[in-house]
Amino acid sequence: MGDLDELAGLAAALYALPPEDFVAARTDRAKTARAGGARDLACRVGELPKPTAAAWLLNQLVRRRPDEVTHLVELGDQMREAQRTLAGDQLRVLTKQRHAVVAAFARQVASLADELDRPLSAAVATQVEETLRAAIADEDAGRALLSGRLTTALSYVGMGEVDVSAAVAVPPARPDRPEPRGEAELPEPHDELAAARQRRLDVAGRALSEAEQAAGRFATELEEAEERVRRLDTESAALHARIEELQALLVDATEAAGAVDARLRQARSTRQAATASAAQAQRAVERAQADCDALSDD
């Protein structure tokens, strides 16, 4: 195995890992290569960039749906063939199919992100769709997607070739281009359209299946949420009833306390008057006793 093939194999293994494990695994593989005397390979492995969120999801899609992604790339081959042969009717049909296929694959990536517990932001979803369109529009972009070694998203501006040199680790080699086919060698349009339609049905069928599974999960979650709402609604009603009961008790207690306070103030006033009267009477007793004592002395 040559260094390039070995590098491609190492890169394929690295880009299959979860993003949080990439850097540590890259360092470990570079150390192993260096310990084995492959210093150049170790350097190249150490330079492999960590994939962006969009690139990582697309790499996982290629690993889990290789045949369907191949069909997507083949759709681009068919469109370029139709453009070269000026097959206008066929091109219009394929263009409609492209929109449907890109939308179906975008939904598959969103479903995959949910399955892998990787939040899919609007920006990442846009990058995924742009990469899928680029893979259909450009042959090199299609091969880059199929390699499963994307490092970042691709984009196509509508003309020229897509530069994949900085978007894929270890770009796949270009295959030898076949000689242009003559008119008699072109496949029958009917057969191509039937095959394309079948591929679109396959993709749509898988998307329907995934949507039904998601709908089932959401229905279960909705049922559980409704049960929680019913339970909490009952608890809330009971607590509010208890609050009203305690508030009524508080009003009664407040009124009773007010009445007792009034009687307490009256009792204190009476006690104060009685204390004054008792003191006055005691003084009178003391004066009378003094008078008696004085008369006795006389």
C-alpha atoms as a PDB file:
ATOM      1  CA  MET A   1       0.000   0.000   0.000  1.00  0.00           C
ATOM      2  CA  GLY A   2       1.408   3.394  -0.968  1.00  0.00           C
ATOM      3  CA  ASP A   3       1.601   6.370   1.372  1.00  0.00           C
ATOM      4  CA  LEU A   4      -1.331   8.044  -0.389  1.00  0.00           C
ATOM      5  CA  ASP A   5      -3.516   4.947  -0.047  1.00  0.00           C
ATOM      6  CA  GLU A   6      -2.512   4.572   3.599  1.00  0.00           C
ATOM      7  CA  LEU A   7      -3.234   8.241   4.227  1.00  0.00           C
ATOM      8  CA  ALA A   8      -6.648   7.864   2.581  1.00  0.00           C
ATOM      9  CA  GLY A   9      -7.403   4.860   4.792  1.00  0.00           C
ATOM     10  CA  LEU A  10      -6.363   6.688   7.948  1.00  0.00           C
ATOM     11  CA  ALA A  11      -8.381   9.741   6.919  1.00  0.00           C
ATOM     12  CA  ALA A  12     -11.463   7.608   6.234  1.00  0.00           C
ATOM     13  CA  ALA A  13     -11.224   6.149   9.745  1.00  0.00           C
ATOM     14  CA  LEU A  14     -10.731   9.574  11.327  1.00  0.00           C
ATOM     15  CA  TYR A  15     -13.641  11.219   9.505  1.00  0.00           C
ATOM     16  CA  ALA A  16     -15.931   8.404  10.637  1.00  0.00           C
ATOM     17  CA  LEU A  17     -15.347   9.340  14.302  1.00  0.00           C
ATOM     18  CA  PRO A  18     -17.490  11.717  16.377  1.00  0.00           C
ATOM     19  CA  PRO A  19     -16.107  15.283  16.135  1.00  0.00           C
ATOM     20  CA  GLU A  20     -15.127  15.366  19.802  1.00  0.00           C
ATOM     21  CA  ASP A  21     -12.849  12.330  19.301  1.00  0.00           C
ATOM     22  CA  PHE A  22     -11.178  13.578  16.106  1.00  0.00           C
ATOM     23  CA  VAL A  23      -8.232  15.563  17.482  1.00  0.00           C
ATOM     24  CA  ALA A  24      -7.129  12.924  20.001  1.00  0.00           C
ATOM     25  CA  ALA A  25      -7.409  10.136  17.416  1.00  0.00           C
ATOM     26  CA  ARG A  26      -5.511  12.189  14.820  1.00  0.00           C
ATOM     27  CA  THR A  27      -2.691  12.779  17.310  1.00  0.00           C
ATOM     28  CA  ASP A  28      -2.582   9.093  18.211  1.00  0.00           C
ATOM     29  CA  ARG A  29      -2.409   7.949  14.578  1.00  0.00           C
ATOM     30  CA  ALA A  30       0.283  10.497  13.756  1.00  0.00           C
ATOM     31  CA  LYS A  31       2.365   9.273  16.703  1.00  0.00           C
ATOM     32  CA  THR A  32       1.942   5.665  15.569  1.00  0.00           C
ATOM     33  CA  ALA A  33       3.037   6.526  12.028  1.00  0.00           C
ATOM     34  CA  ARG A  34       6.054   8.460  13.323  1.00  0.00           C
ATOM     35  CA  ALA A  35       7.018   5.598  15.637  1.00  0.00           C
ATOM     36  CA  GLY A  36       6.916   3.289  12.608  1.00  0.00           C
ATOM     37  CA  GLY A  37       9.363   5.486  10.736  1.00  0.00           C
ATOM     38  CA  ALA A  38       6.778   7.030   8.373  1.00  0.00           C
ATOM     39  CA  ARG A  39       7.577  10.636   9.220  1.00  0.00           C
ATOM     40  CA  ASP A  40       6.059  12.110   6.058  1.00  0.00           C
ATOM     41  CA  LEU A  41       2.837  10.156   6.618  1.00  0.00           C
ATOM     42  CA  ALA A  42       2.778  11.275  10.254  1.00  0.00           C
ATOM     43  CA  CYS A  43       3.076  14.917   9.206  1.00  0.00           C
ATOM     44  CA  ARG A  44       0.290  14.595   6.664  1.00  0.00           C
ATOM     45  CA  VAL A  45      -1.985  12.848   9.153  1.00  0.00           C
ATOM     46  CA  GLY A  46      -1.279  15.573  11.726  1.00  0.00           C
ATOM     47  CA  GLU A  47      -2.324  18.216   9.173  1.00  0.00           C
ATOM     48  CA  LEU A  48      -5.753  16.687   8.486  1.00  0.00           C
ATOM     49  CA  PRO A  49      -8.332  19.339   9.467  1.00  0.00           C
ATOM     50  CA  LYS A  50     -11.221  18.632  11.790  1.00  0.00           C
ATOM     51  CA  PRO A  51     -14.460  18.511   9.740  1.00  0.00           C
ATOM     52  CA  THR A  52     -17.106  21.185  10.067  1.00  0.00           C
ATOM     53  CA  ALA A  53     -20.543  20.184  11.343  1.00  0.00           C
ATOM     54  CA  ALA A  54     -22.009  20.050   7.822  1.00  0.00           C
ATOM     55  CA  ALA A  55     -19.072  18.055   6.435  1.00  0.00           C
ATOM     56  CA  TRP A  56     -19.212  15.586   9.320  1.00  0.00           C
ATOM     57  CA  LEU A  57     -22.931  14.930   8.852  1.00  0.00           C
ATOM     58  CA  LEU A  58     -22.498  14.403   5.098  1.00  0.00           C
ATOM     59  CA  ASN A  59     -19.611  12.003   5.744  1.00  0.00           C
ATOM     60  CA  GLN A  60     -21.889   9.995   8.049  1.00  0.00           C
ATOM     61  CA  LEU A  61     -24.642  10.033   5.433  1.00  0.00           C
ATOM     62  CA  VAL A  62     -22.243   8.558   2.843  1.00  0.00           C
ATOM     63  CA  ARG A  63     -21.311   5.778   5.270  1.00  0.00           C
ATOM     64  CA  ARG A  64     -24.925   4.947   6.088  1.00  0.00           C
ATOM     65  CA  ARG A  65     -26.535   5.533   2.662  1.00  0.00           C
ATOM     66  CA  PRO A  66     -23.754   4.854   0.116  1.00  0.00           C
ATOM     67  CA  ASP A  67     -26.048   3.571  -2.655  1.00  0.00           C
ATOM     68  CA  GLU A  68     -28.428   6.510  -2.425  1.00  0.00           C
ATOM     69  CA  VAL A  69     -25.616   9.075  -2.410  1.00  0.00           C
ATOM     70  CA  THR A  70     -24.171   7.303  -5.463  1.00  0.00           C
ATOM     71  CA  HIS A  71     -27.538   7.727  -7.193  1.00  0.00           C
ATOM     72  CA  LEU A  72     -27.485  11.430  -6.337  1.00  0.00           C
ATOM     73  CA  VAL A  73     -24.046  11.814  -7.938  1.00  0.00           C
ATOM     74  CA  GLU A  74     -25.182   9.773 -10.957  1.00  0.00           C
ATOM     75  CA  LEU A  75     -28.049  12.205 -11.399  1.00  0.00           C
ATOM     76  CA  GLY A  76     -25.401  14.878 -11.972  1.00  0.00           C
ATOM     77  CA  ASP A  77     -23.761  12.662 -14.605  1.00  0.00           C
ATOM     78  CA  GLN A  78     -27.115  12.302 -16.368  1.00  0.00           C
ATOM     79  CA  MET A  79     -27.708  16.056 -16.305  1.00  0.00           C
ATOM     80  CA  ARG A  80     -24.284  16.792 -17.778  1.00  0.00           C
ATOM     81  CA  GLU A  81     -24.912  14.165 -20.460  1.00  0.00           C
ATOM     82  CA  ALA A  82     -28.259  15.773 -21.277  1.00  0.00           C
ATOM     83  CA  GLN A  83     -26.555  19.169 -21.518  1.00  0.00           C
ATOM     84  CA  ARG A  84     -23.880  17.820 -23.865  1.00  0.00           C
ATOM     85  CA  THR A  85     -26.474  16.197 -26.136  1.00  0.00           C
ATOM     86  CA  LEU A  86     -28.873  19.149 -25.901  1.00  0.00           C
ATOM     87  CA  ALA A  87     -31.646  16.827 -24.689  1.00  0.00           C
ATOM     88  CA  GLY A  88     -33.930  19.632 -23.518  1.00  0.00           C
ATOM     89  CA  ASP A  89     -36.923  17.529 -22.466  1.00  0.00           C
ATOM     90  CA  GLN A  90     -34.740  15.125 -20.557  1.00  0.00           C
ATOM     91  CA  LEU A  91     -32.849  17.990 -18.917  1.00  0.00           C
ATOM     92  CA  ARG A  92     -36.082  19.591 -17.702  1.00  0.00           C
ATOM     93  CA  VAL A  93     -37.190  16.301 -16.163  1.00  0.00           C
ATOM     94  CA  LEU A  94     -33.805  15.805 -14.507  1.00  0.00           C
ATOM     95  CA  THR A  95     -33.824  19.384 -13.199  1.00  0.00           C
ATOM     96  CA  LYS A  96     -37.154  18.775 -11.466  1.00  0.00           C
ATOM     97  CA  GLN A  97     -35.773  15.532 -10.103  1.00  0.00           C
ATOM     98  CA  ARG A  98     -32.696  17.360  -8.800  1.00  0.00           C
ATOM     99  CA  HIS A  99     -34.824  19.689  -6.680  1.00  0.00           C
ATOM    100  CA  ALA A 100     -36.791  16.752  -5.273  1.00  0.00           C
ATOM    101  CA  VAL A 101     -33.685  14.665  -4.578  1.00  0.00           C
ATOM    102  CA  VAL A 102     -31.805  17.521  -2.861  1.00  0.00           C
ATOM    103  CA  ALA A 103     -34.829  18.233  -0.668  1.00  0.00           C
ATOM    104  CA  ALA A 104     -35.182  14.516   0.185  1.00  0.00           C
ATOM    105  CA  PHE A 105     -31.491  14.195   1.055  1.00  0.00           C
ATOM    106  CA  ALA A 106     -31.618  17.366   3.158  1.00  0.00           C
ATOM    107  CA  ARG A 107     -34.440  15.776   5.155  1.00  0.00           C
ATOM    108  CA  GLN A 108     -32.391  12.596   5.529  1.00  0.00           C
ATOM    109  CA  VAL A 109     -29.467  14.590   6.894  1.00  0.00           C
ATOM    110  CA  ALA A 110     -31.790  16.365   9.345  1.00  0.00           C
ATOM    111  CA  SER A 111     -33.154  12.981  10.444  1.00  0.00           C
ATOM    112  CA  LEU A 112     -29.618  11.621  10.773  1.00  0.00           C
ATOM    113  CA  ALA A 113     -28.586  14.634  12.869  1.00  0.00           C
ATOM    114  CA  ASP A 114     -31.532  13.965  15.179  1.00  0.00           C
ATOM    115  CA  GLU A 115     -30.627  10.258  15.341  1.00  0.00           C
ATOM    116  CA  LEU A 116     -27.022  11.107  16.255  1.00  0.00           C
ATOM    117  CA  ASP A 117     -28.162  13.759  18.759  1.00  0.00           C
ATOM    118  CA  ARG A 118     -26.385  16.523  16.837  1.00  0.00           C
ATOM    119  CA  PRO A 119     -28.441  19.748  16.702  1.00  0.00           C
ATOM    120  CA  LEU A 120     -28.867  20.944  13.114  1.00  0.00           C
ATOM    121  CA  SER A 121     -28.791  24.738  12.879  1.00  0.00           C
ATOM    122  CA  ALA A 122     -30.233  26.657   9.948  1.00  0.00           C
ATOM    123  CA  ALA A 123     -26.717  27.598   8.811  1.00  0.00           C
ATOM    124  CA  VAL A 124     -25.546  23.964   8.805  1.00  0.00           C
ATOM    125  CA  ALA A 125     -28.712  22.864   6.958  1.00  0.00           C
ATOM    126  CA  THR A 126     -28.004  25.482   4.268  1.00  0.00           C
ATOM    127  CA  GLN A 127     -24.394  24.262   3.914  1.00  0.00           C
ATOM    128  CA  VAL A 128     -25.650  20.679   3.549  1.00  0.00           C
ATOM    129  CA  GLU A 129     -28.017  21.644   0.711  1.00  0.00           C
ATOM    130  CA  GLU A 130     -25.316  23.674  -1.040  1.00  0.00           C
ATOM    131  CA  THR A 131     -22.951  20.699  -0.889  1.00  0.00           C
ATOM    132  CA  LEU A 132     -25.593  18.354  -2.321  1.00  0.00           C
ATOM    133  CA  ARG A 133     -26.247  20.749  -5.198  1.00  0.00           C
ATOM    134  CA  ALA A 134     -22.510  21.064  -5.847  1.00  0.00           C
ATOM    135  CA  ALA A 135     -22.171  17.264  -5.889  1.00  0.00           C
ATOM    136  CA  ILE A 136     -24.822  17.093  -8.606  1.00  0.00           C
ATOM    137  CA  ALA A 137     -23.441  20.018 -10.598  1.00  0.00           C
ATOM    138  CA  ASP A 138     -19.749  19.072 -10.601  1.00  0.00           C
ATOM    139  CA  GLU A 139     -18.021  15.732 -11.127  1.00  0.00           C
ATOM    140  CA  ASP A 140     -15.133  16.451  -8.744  1.00  0.00           C
ATOM    141  CA  ALA A 141     -17.565  17.621  -6.052  1.00  0.00           C
ATOM    142  CA  GLY A 142     -19.549  14.420  -6.477  1.00  0.00           C
ATOM    143  CA  ARG A 143     -16.432  12.285  -5.981  1.00  0.00           C
ATOM    144  CA  ALA A 144     -15.437  14.399  -2.969  1.00  0.00           C
ATOM    145  CA  LEU A 145     -18.827  13.761  -1.360  1.00  0.00           C
ATOM    146  CA  LEU A 146     -18.661  10.016  -2.080  1.00  0.00           C
ATOM    147  CA  SER A 147     -15.181   9.798  -0.526  1.00  0.00           C
ATOM    148  CA  GLY A 148     -16.643  10.378   2.954  1.00  0.00           C
ATOM    149  CA  ARG A 149     -13.653  12.594   3.730  1.00  0.00           C
ATOM    150  CA  LEU A 150     -15.156  16.069   3.452  1.00  0.00           C
ATOM    151  CA  THR A 151     -13.557  18.651   5.725  1.00  0.00           C
ATOM    152  CA  THR A 152     -15.918  21.510   4.927  1.00  0.00           C
ATOM    153  CA  ALA A 153     -19.040  22.237   2.897  1.00  0.00           C
ATOM    154  CA  LEU A 154     -18.972  22.697  -0.889  1.00  0.00           C
ATOM    155  CA  SER A 155     -20.685  25.353  -2.969  1.00  0.00           C
ATOM    156  CA  TYR A 156     -21.367  25.870  -6.662  1.00  0.00           C
ATOM    157  CA  VAL A 157     -21.777  29.350  -8.134  1.00  0.00           C
ATOM    158  CA  GLY A 158     -23.494  28.152 -11.299  1.00  0.00           C
ATOM    159  CA  MET A 159     -20.521  28.078 -13.652  1.00  0.00           C
ATOM    160  CA  GLY A 160     -17.037  26.603 -13.862  1.00  0.00           C
ATOM    161  CA  GLU A 161     -15.707  23.763 -11.717  1.00  0.00           C
ATOM    162  CA  VAL A 162     -15.949  23.365  -7.961  1.00  0.00           C
ATOM    163  CA  ASP A 163     -12.587  23.693  -6.214  1.00  0.00           C
ATOM    164  CA  VAL A 164     -12.491  20.721  -3.838  1.00  0.00           C
ATOM    165  CA  SER A 165      -8.781  20.877  -3.014  1.00  0.00           C
ATOM    166  CA  ALA A 166      -9.362  22.496   0.378  1.00  0.00           C
ATOM    167  CA  ALA A 167     -12.700  20.803   1.089  1.00  0.00           C
ATOM    168  CA  VAL A 168     -11.718  17.139   1.107  1.00  0.00           C
ATOM    169  CA  ALA A 169      -8.927  15.285   2.892  1.00  0.00           C
ATOM    170  CA  VAL A 170      -6.927  13.237   0.353  1.00  0.00           C
ATOM    171  CA  PRO A 171      -8.964  14.083  -2.778  1.00  0.00           C
ATOM    172  CA  PRO A 172      -9.978  10.955  -4.695  1.00  0.00           C
ATOM    173  CA  ALA A 173      -8.169  10.355  -7.971  1.00  0.00           C
ATOM    174  CA  ARG A 174      -9.986  11.276 -11.152  1.00  0.00           C
ATOM    175  CA  PRO A 175     -11.009   8.227 -13.159  1.00  0.00           C
ATOM    176  CA  ASP A 176      -9.965   7.899 -16.766  1.00  0.00           C
ATOM    177  CA  ARG A 177     -12.529   9.663 -18.904  1.00  0.00           C
ATOM    178  CA  PRO A 178     -14.243   7.363 -21.434  1.00  0.00           C
ATOM    179  CA  GLU A 179     -14.275   8.266 -25.076  1.00  0.00           C
ATOM    180  CA  PRO A 180     -17.312  10.341 -26.052  1.00  0.00           C
ATOM    181  CA  ARG A 181     -20.154   8.078 -27.025  1.00  0.00           C
ATOM    182  CA  GLY A 182     -21.750   8.286 -30.437  1.00  0.00           C
ATOM    183  CA  GLU A 183     -25.398   8.979 -30.955  1.00  0.00           C
ATOM    184  CA  ALA A 184     -26.183   5.287 -31.388  1.00  0.00           C
ATOM    185  CA  GLU A 185     -24.506   4.463 -28.054  1.00  0.00           C
ATOM    186  CA  LEU A 186     -26.661   6.808 -26.000  1.00  0.00           C
ATOM    187  CA  PRO A 187     -29.118   4.984 -23.726  1.00  0.00           C
ATOM    188  CA  GLU A 188     -32.748   5.250 -24.572  1.00  0.00           C
ATOM    189  CA  PRO A 189     -34.279   8.346 -22.931  1.00  0.00           C
ATOM    190  CA  HIS A 190     -37.230   6.285 -21.794  1.00  0.00           C
ATOM    191  CA  ASP A 191     -34.975   3.849 -19.937  1.00  0.00           C
ATOM    192  CA  GLU A 192     -32.970   6.657 -18.337  1.00  0.00           C
ATOM    193  CA  LEU A 193     -36.088   8.477 -17.221  1.00  0.00           C
ATOM    194  CA  ALA A 194     -37.588   5.269 -15.834  1.00  0.00           C
ATOM    195  CA  ALA A 195     -34.410   4.527 -13.901  1.00  0.00           C
ATOM    196  CA  ALA A 196     -34.230   8.110 -12.656  1.00  0.00           C
ATOM    197  CA  ARG A 197     -37.880   7.972 -11.633  1.00  0.00           C
ATOM    198  CA  GLN A 198     -37.283   4.720  -9.763  1.00  0.00           C
ATOM    199  CA  ARG A 199     -34.334   6.208  -7.896  1.00  0.00           C
ATOM    200  CA  ARG A 200     -36.439   9.201  -6.974  1.00  0.00           C
ATOM    201  CA  LEU A 201     -39.164   6.843  -5.727  1.00  0.00           C
ATOM    202  CA  ASP A 202     -36.594   4.949  -3.664  1.00  0.00           C
ATOM    203  CA  VAL A 203     -35.348   8.148  -2.042  1.00  0.00           C
ATOM    204  CA  ALA A 204     -38.889   9.419  -1.495  1.00  0.00           C
ATOM    205  CA  GLY A 205     -39.899   6.044  -0.014  1.00  0.00           C
ATOM    206  CA  ARG A 206     -37.065   6.160   2.499  1.00  0.00           C
ATOM    207  CA  ALA A 207     -37.911   9.772   3.334  1.00  0.00           C
ATOM    208  CA  LEU A 208     -41.560   8.736   3.868  1.00  0.00           C
ATOM    209  CA  SER A 209     -40.508   5.869   6.127  1.00  0.00           C
ATOM    210  CA  GLU A 210     -38.293   8.167   8.201  1.00  0.00           C
ATOM    211  CA  ALA A 211     -41.053  10.778   8.372  1.00  0.00           C
ATOM    212  CA  GLU A 212     -43.535   8.134   9.576  1.00  0.00           C
ATOM    213  CA  GLN A 213     -41.088   6.980  12.244  1.00  0.00           C
ATOM    214  CA  ALA A 214     -40.558  10.580  13.352  1.00  0.00           C
ATOM    215  CA  ALA A 215     -44.334  11.132  13.404  1.00  0.00           C
ATOM    216  CA  GLY A 216     -44.719   8.039  15.606  1.00  0.00           C
ATOM    217  CA  ARG A 217     -42.100   9.326  18.038  1.00  0.00           C
ATOM    218  CA  PHE A 218     -43.703  12.756  18.163  1.00  0.00           C
ATOM    219  CA  ALA A 219     -47.168  11.211  18.704  1.00  0.00           C
ATOM    220  CA  THR A 220     -45.815   9.265  21.692  1.00  0.00           C
ATOM    221  CA  GLU A 221     -44.149  12.402  23.049  1.00  0.00           C
ATOM    222  CA  LEU A 222     -47.403  14.331  22.584  1.00  0.00           C
ATOM    223  CA  GLU A 223     -49.384  11.676  24.473  1.00  0.00           C
ATOM    224  CA  GLU A 224     -46.869  11.743  27.335  1.00  0.00           C
ATOM    225  CA  ALA A 225     -46.926  15.555  27.383  1.00  0.00           C
ATOM    226  CA  GLU A 226     -50.737  15.596  27.503  1.00  0.00           C
ATOM    227  CA  GLU A 227     -50.689  13.135  30.427  1.00  0.00           C
ATOM    228  CA  ARG A 228     -48.232  15.390  32.269  1.00  0.00           C
ATOM    229  CA  VAL A 229     -50.462  18.397  31.591  1.00  0.00           C
ATOM    230  CA  ARG A 230     -53.522  16.555  32.944  1.00  0.00           C
ATOM    231  CA  ARG A 231     -51.663  15.463  36.087  1.00  0.00           C
ATOM    232  CA  LEU A 232     -50.204  18.890  36.776  1.00  0.00           C
ATOM    233  CA  ASP A 233     -53.566  20.549  36.061  1.00  0.00           C
ATOM    234  CA  THR A 234     -55.172  18.366  38.757  1.00  0.00           C
ATOM    235  CA  GLU A 235     -52.382  19.161  41.222  1.00  0.00           C
ATOM    236  CA  SER A 236     -52.643  22.873  40.422  1.00  0.00           C
ATOM    237  CA  ALA A 237     -56.427  22.880  40.982  1.00  0.00           C
ATOM    238  CA  ALA A 238     -56.020  21.121  44.334  1.00  0.00           C
ATOM    239  CA  LEU A 239     -53.358  23.582  45.469  1.00  0.00           C
ATOM    240  CA  HIS A 240     -55.417  26.590  44.412  1.00  0.00           C
ATOM    241  CA  ALA A 241     -58.411  25.189  46.328  1.00  0.00           C
ATOM    242  CA  ARG A 242     -56.212  24.773  49.377  1.00  0.00           C
ATOM    243  CA  ILE A 243     -54.963  28.339  48.950  1.00  0.00           C
ATOM    244  CA  GLU A 244     -58.563  29.632  48.866  1.00  0.00           C
ATOM    245  CA  GLU A 245     -59.378  27.590  51.989  1.00  0.00           C
ATOM    246  CA  LEU A 246     -56.350  28.956  53.831  1.00  0.00           C
ATOM    247  CA  GLN A 247     -57.147  32.481  52.675  1.00  0.00           C
ATOM    248  CA  ALA A 248     -60.679  32.134  54.126  1.00  0.00           C
ATOM    249  CA  LEU A 249     -59.209  30.855  57.379  1.00  0.00           C
ATOM    250  CA  LEU A 250     -56.803  33.775  57.364  1.00  0.00           C
ATOM    251  CA  VAL A 251     -59.678  36.248  56.960  1.00  0.00           C
ATOM    252  CA  ASP A 252     -61.587  34.635  59.856  1.00  0.00           C
ATOM    253  CA  ALA A 253     -58.470  34.573  62.034  1.00  0.00           C
ATOM    254  CA  THR A 254     -57.734  38.206  61.186  1.00  0.00           C
ATOM    255  CA  GLU A 255     -61.269  39.252  62.163  1.00  0.00           C
ATOM    256  CA  ALA A 256     -61.108  37.224  65.407  1.00  0.00           C
ATOM    257  CA  ALA A 257     -57.724  38.705  66.259  1.00  0.00           C
ATOM    258  CA  GLY A 258     -59.143  42.201  65.686  1.00  0.00           C
ATOM    259  CA  ALA A 259     -62.029  41.536  68.075  1.00  0.00           C
ATOM    260  CA  VAL A 260     -59.699  40.124  70.725  1.00  0.00           C
ATOM    261  CA  ASP A 261     -57.382  43.112  70.322  1.00  0.00           C
ATOM    262  CA  ALA A 262     -60.336  45.465  70.935  1.00  0.00           C
ATOM    263  CA  ARG A 263     -61.323  43.590  74.089  1.00  0.00           C
ATOM    264  CA  LEU A 264     -57.680  43.582  75.209  1.00  0.00           C
ATOM    265  CA  ARG A 265     -57.476  47.346  74.815  1.00  0.00           C
ATOM    266  CA  GLN A 266     -60.700  47.728  76.850  1.00  0.00           C
ATOM    267  CA  ALA A 267     -59.390  45.390  79.555  1.00  0.00           C
ATOM    268  CA  ARG A 268     -56.121  47.307  79.778  1.00  0.00           C
ATOM    269  CA  SER A 269     -58.033  50.590  80.094  1.00  0.00           C
ATOM    270  CA  THR A 270     -60.210  49.117  82.841  1.00  0.00           C
ATOM    271  CA  ARG A 271     -57.126  47.759  84.615  1.00  0.00           C
ATOM    272  CA  GLN A 272     -55.487  51.182  84.464  1.00  0.00           C
ATOM    273  CA  ALA A 273     -58.581  52.850  85.987  1.00  0.00           C
ATOM    274  CA  ALA A 274     -58.816  50.183  88.660  1.00  0.00           C
ATOM    275  CA  THR A 275     -55.147  50.598  89.477  1.00  0.00           C
ATOM    276  CA  ALA A 276     -55.622  54.366  89.930  1.00  0.00           C
ATOM    277  CA  SER A 277     -58.704  53.861  92.104  1.00  0.00           C
ATOM    278  CA  ALA A 278     -56.954  51.278  94.232  1.00  0.00           C
ATOM    279  CA  ALA A 279     -53.992  53.605  94.743  1.00  0.00           C
ATOM    280  CA  GLN A 280     -56.317  56.477  95.730  1.00  0.00           C
ATOM    281  CA  ALA A 281     -58.195  54.237  98.173  1.00  0.00           C
ATOM    282  CA  GLN A 282     -54.916  53.060  99.687  1.00  0.00           C
ATOM    283  CA  ARG A 283     -53.859  56.647 100.234  1.00  0.00           C
ATOM    284  CA  ALA A 284     -57.221  57.386 101.929  1.00  0.00           C
ATOM    285  CA  VAL A 285     -56.695  54.375 104.185  1.00  0.00           C
ATOM    286  CA  GLU A 286     -53.254  55.588 105.104  1.00  0.00           C
ATOM    287  CA  ARG A 287     -54.567  59.093 105.958  1.00  0.00           C
ATOM    288  CA  ALA A 288     -57.390  57.668 108.035  1.00  0.00           C
ATOM    289  CA  GLN A 289     -54.966  55.395 109.877  1.00  0.00           C
ATOM    290  CA  ALA A 290     -52.726  58.365 110.581  1.00  0.00           C
ATOM    291  CA  ASP A 291     -55.681  60.333 112.012  1.00  0.00           C
ATOM    292  CA  CYS A 292     -56.606  57.433 114.271  1.00  0.00           C
ATOM    293  CA  ASP A 293     -53.084  57.087 115.490  1.00  0.00           C
ATOM    294  CA  ALA A 294     -52.922  60.841 116.282  1.00  0.00           C
ATOM    295  CA  LEU A 295     -56.175  60.781 118.288  1.00  0.00           C
ATOM    296  CA  SER A 296     -55.010  57.783 120.274  1.00  0.00           C
ATOM    297  CA  ASP A 297     -51.874  59.601 121.319  1.00  0.00           C
ATOM    298  CA  ASP A 298     -53.948  62.517 122.659  1.00  0.00           C
END
